[in-house]
């Protein structure tokens, strides 16, 4: 089967949660099918070279500028859609599929739906990394400034209308969790076939040697720091969660790692007691081996959190919030610990810093869950079923 794979970023060096999932999906499809890829790249990046299939990479500037905002209003689309518009990419995709040899189009994320030509005659699949309108609605609730909150609420409405408008163009829509499935079905005008395609961690993490119980009480937060839910939740934890943690475990340290942190967040980390800002890192193994536990303190967002799956895959015990456990097939107290909100993560984190038996129990149970449920062969079963059905010959009349 020949598949067209449309994705917003090149996937040869996956680091963020979204690119880790997308890279795993691409590799999964390449095992059995001929896959052609069209993607964007940064203007200063070299074209993406793949060993198999046609690869189109088009440079794009994604600035959140006033001009792009004005253009988005003129075009009647959300800003995120306008920022990811390219006549060149669409033209090259049209040329690629002109021979009508592609059986399936796999659109990796709502941003790329606009790049699948209406003339495409094959099976159309959409992979939603999040219920986007839910993420924007939750973002609205995080804003404290009145004008900013009004702007985000208005954008959330535009996202909701656009997301609703594209769903009906596809034969099957994949979401990452049951809550996201319910959210999309609430929009109406969606295809009958809405299936769950769970997120997966970096597959290499589950294959690394088992971690030993570390002696230092180090708490790790490792994420994309430019993403507002991560930045906001981390700020709250540093301000309101670290002081009670230090009362319970005076030598505790929070290591903050990841790319894209704002100057304000870096200053907060540098001036807060018990916090170490590590910034972008190349060697994630050093982070995982240093840490005693992983904390997920993000607020808002939707879908499910790859950073939690990554930590579980590595065997690093996790403390998250109820929101952070949403959409994951986990049991609180068995696979990870759950707090009410970022500010109250200190309590369960302190337990993991001091209780070796609990630490080992969560380490082993978390890893076992990943190996049983969150590997591509299991997690992507619904995608395989759709493709197998597409490959079956139609019954003769």
Foldseek 3Di string as FASTA:
>chain_A
DEEEEEDAEDQPDDDALLSLQVNQVVVVCVVPYQYEYEYEYAPPDDADDDPGHHYHYHHFDQDPDPVLCVVCVVVLAFSNLSSRDDPVSLVVVCVVCVVVPHQEYEYEAPSCLVSPDLPNDHAYEYEHAFLVLQLLVQVLVLDDDPVVSVVSVVSSVRSLVSVLVRQLSHQEYEAAFPVRVVVNVVSPNHHPHYYHQHRFANVVLLVDDAADQDQAAEEEEEHACQPVQQVSQVLCCLVQAVVVLCVLVVRYAYEYEHEDHDPVSVVSQVPGPRYHYPYYDDDVVVVLNNHLAYERQGGGTGRAHRVCNSCLSNLHAYEYEPRNCPRPPDDDLQQHHYDHHSNPSSVVSSCSSPPPVSSNRNSVRSNVCSVVDRRCVRSVVVVVVVVVVSPDDDDDD
